[in-house]
Amino acid sequence: KRNFVLDKMTGTQTIKQKMEQMNIDACDEDITKAMRYVKSKEKGTISDTRLMDFLKQQ
């Protein structure tokens, strides 16, 4: 289970890359929601599976 760290500079980009790797098409609004979710749940870090679970709910 890999975790990746989100910070203000690279977080959005990291999520976009993750989504692309998972072939999930997401608009900026979804990415913003994901960022908020990530930061509230994981205090800045999130596992691949948790991100995927969140994106599938959208």
Protein backbone atom coordinates (compact mmCIF):
# COMPACT_ATOMS: atom_id res chain seq x y z
CA LYS A 1 0.00 0.00 0.00
CA ARG A 2 1.78 3.10 -1.24
CA ASN A 3 1.01 6.54 0.13
CA PHE A 4 1.75 9.78 -1.58
CA VAL A 5 1.97 13.11 0.18
CA LEU A 6 -0.07 16.08 -0.87
CA ASP A 7 1.16 19.58 -0.40
CA LYS A 8 -0.21 22.88 -1.62
CA MET A 9 2.25 23.11 -4.49
CA THR A 10 1.96 19.63 -5.97
CA GLY A 11 -1.19 18.10 -4.52
CA THR A 12 -3.53 18.94 -7.37
CA GLN A 13 -1.02 17.79 -9.95
CA THR A 14 -0.46 14.53 -8.08
CA ILE A 15 -4.18 13.80 -7.99
CA LYS A 16 -4.49 14.60 -11.70
CA GLN A 17 -1.65 12.20 -12.47
CA LYS A 18 -3.23 9.50 -10.29
CA MET A 19 -6.53 9.95 -12.09
CA GLU A 20 -4.83 9.69 -15.46
CA GLN A 21 -3.03 6.52 -14.36
CA MET A 22 -6.37 5.08 -13.29
CA ASN A 23 -8.05 6.30 -16.51
CA ILE A 24 -10.50 8.42 -14.56
CA ASP A 25 -11.67 11.52 -16.33
CA ALA A 26 -12.15 14.26 -13.78
CA CYS A 27 -12.86 17.94 -13.96
CA ASP A 28 -11.13 20.48 -11.73
CA GLU A 29 -14.12 20.50 -9.40
CA ASP A 30 -13.71 16.78 -8.75
CA ILE A 31 -10.02 17.28 -8.11
CA THR A 32 -10.76 20.06 -5.64
CA LYS A 33 -13.26 17.80 -3.86
CA ALA A 34 -10.70 15.02 -3.79
CA MET A 35 -8.11 17.39 -2.32
CA ARG A 36 -10.48 18.43 0.45
CA TYR A 37 -11.42 14.83 1.13
CA VAL A 38 -7.80 13.76 1.21
CA LYS A 39 -6.75 16.55 3.54
CA SER A 40 -9.61 15.98 5.96
CA LYS A 41 -9.32 12.19 6.06
CA GLU A 42 -5.62 11.58 5.75
CA LYS A 43 -4.01 14.79 7.05
CA GLY A 44 -2.24 15.35 3.75
CA THR A 45 -1.43 11.78 2.73
CA ILE A 46 -3.65 9.24 1.05
CA SER A 47 -3.24 5.71 -0.21
CA ASP A 48 -3.93 4.81 -3.83
CA THR A 49 -6.89 2.65 -2.83
CA ARG A 50 -8.53 5.38 -0.77
CA LEU A 51 -8.21 7.83 -3.63
CA MET A 52 -9.70 5.31 -6.02
CA ASP A 53 -12.59 4.61 -3.65
CA PHE A 54 -13.31 8.30 -3.38
CA LEU A 55 -13.19 8.88 -7.13
CA LYS A 56 -15.50 5.95 -7.82
CA GLN A 57 -18.10 7.53 -5.54
CA GLN A 58 -18.19 10.69 -7.66
